[in-house]
Amino acid sequence: MTNNGPNNFIWHKVSEKEKEDIKKDAKKLLEDFAKKLEKIKTEEGHFSKCSGMRIEGSGWKTEEDFKDTMFDNAPMVEDDLILAEKGGWK
């Protein structure tokens, strides 16, 4: 079997010339893509609207018996710690 055109690819050992052609084509693709990206003008929402730091809050309130309920449902508890295999407790 032979390569009979651009849409009929068959595995073959790549020659040094083909390697160079591939590098040139990849570089051209990346340069063209970078030029197109330069034309896009957009505002980066996360960093342009705030300092990037979250505002401290008071957290949330949980039910008083939440911890007891979690420990009751856990397969193994030791010294106020839930012992579980990664992905094992579902």
Protein backbone atom coordinates (compact mmCIF):
# COMPACT_ATOMS: atom_id res chain seq x y z
CA MET A 1 0.00 0.00 0.00
CA THR A 2 1.17 3.49 -0.74
CA ASN A 3 0.21 6.99 0.26
CA ASN A 4 -2.05 8.12 -2.61
CA GLY A 5 -2.86 11.65 -1.54
CA PRO A 6 -3.36 13.83 1.53
CA ASN A 7 -6.42 11.93 2.80
CA ASN A 8 -4.95 8.44 2.52
CA PHE A 9 -2.40 8.21 5.33
CA ILE A 10 -0.57 4.98 5.94
CA TRP A 11 2.01 4.41 8.66
CA HIS A 12 5.57 4.69 7.47
CA LYS A 13 8.95 5.64 8.83
CA VAL A 14 9.27 9.42 8.70
CA SER A 15 12.28 10.69 6.78
CA GLU A 16 14.43 13.60 7.95
CA LYS A 17 12.93 15.81 5.23
CA GLU A 18 9.40 14.92 6.39
CA LYS A 19 10.39 15.71 9.99
CA GLU A 20 11.61 19.15 8.91
CA ASP A 21 8.42 19.73 6.88
CA ILE A 22 6.30 18.75 9.90
CA LYS A 23 8.25 21.15 12.14
CA LYS A 24 7.83 23.99 9.61
CA ASP A 25 4.09 23.29 9.22
CA ALA A 26 3.59 23.13 13.01
CA LYS A 27 5.51 26.39 13.52
CA LYS A 28 3.46 28.12 10.82
CA LEU A 29 0.22 26.85 12.38
CA LEU A 30 1.23 28.14 15.82
CA GLU A 31 2.34 31.52 14.45
CA ASP A 32 -0.90 31.94 12.49
CA PHE A 33 -2.93 30.99 15.55
CA ALA A 34 -0.97 33.41 17.75
CA LYS A 35 -1.63 36.25 15.27
CA LYS A 36 -5.35 35.50 15.37
CA LEU A 37 -5.31 35.44 19.18
CA GLU A 38 -3.63 38.87 19.23
CA LYS A 39 -6.66 40.30 17.41
CA ILE A 40 -9.04 39.19 20.17
CA LYS A 41 -9.71 41.98 22.63
CA THR A 42 -11.42 40.84 25.82
CA GLU A 43 -11.37 41.66 29.48
CA GLU A 44 -10.11 39.06 31.90
CA GLY A 45 -12.93 38.99 34.41
CA HIS A 46 -11.27 37.41 37.42
CA PHE A 47 -8.17 39.56 37.64
CA SER A 48 -9.37 42.81 36.14
CA LYS A 49 -12.39 43.19 38.44
CA CYS A 50 -10.77 42.35 41.75
CA SER A 51 -7.42 41.82 43.39
CA GLY A 52 -7.66 38.05 43.09
CA MET A 53 -8.15 37.61 46.82
CA ARG A 54 -11.43 36.36 48.21
CA ILE A 55 -13.32 38.37 50.77
CA GLU A 56 -13.20 36.81 54.23
CA GLY A 57 -16.53 35.89 55.71
CA SER A 58 -17.90 34.22 58.78
CA GLY A 59 -18.35 30.85 57.09
CA TRP A 60 -21.55 28.85 57.31
CA LYS A 61 -23.40 27.30 60.18
CA THR A 62 -23.94 23.55 60.32
CA GLU A 63 -26.43 21.63 62.37
CA GLU A 64 -25.15 20.84 65.84
CA ASP A 65 -25.58 17.08 65.34
CA PHE A 66 -23.91 17.08 61.88
CA LYS A 67 -20.65 15.58 63.19
CA ASP A 68 -22.48 12.83 65.07
CA THR A 69 -24.57 12.02 62.01
CA MET A 70 -21.46 11.81 59.81
CA PHE A 71 -19.69 9.52 62.27
CA ASP A 72 -22.80 7.33 62.57
CA ASN A 73 -22.85 6.89 58.79
CA ALA A 74 -19.10 6.33 58.38
CA PRO A 75 -17.92 2.73 57.99
CA MET A 76 -14.94 3.24 60.35
CA VAL A 77 -14.27 5.99 62.90
CA GLU A 78 -11.20 6.32 65.08
CA ASP A 79 -10.41 9.22 67.44
CA ASP A 80 -12.91 11.59 65.79
CA LEU A 81 -11.54 10.74 62.32
CA ILE A 82 -13.33 8.97 59.49
CA LEU A 83 -11.20 6.13 58.12
CA ALA A 84 -12.00 5.33 54.51
CA GLU A 85 -10.28 4.18 51.35
CA LYS A 86 -10.14 6.70 48.54
CA GLY A 87 -13.37 6.21 46.63
CA GLY A 88 -14.44 3.43 48.97
CA TRP A 89 -17.11 5.33 50.90
CA LYS A 90 -20.03 6.12 48.62
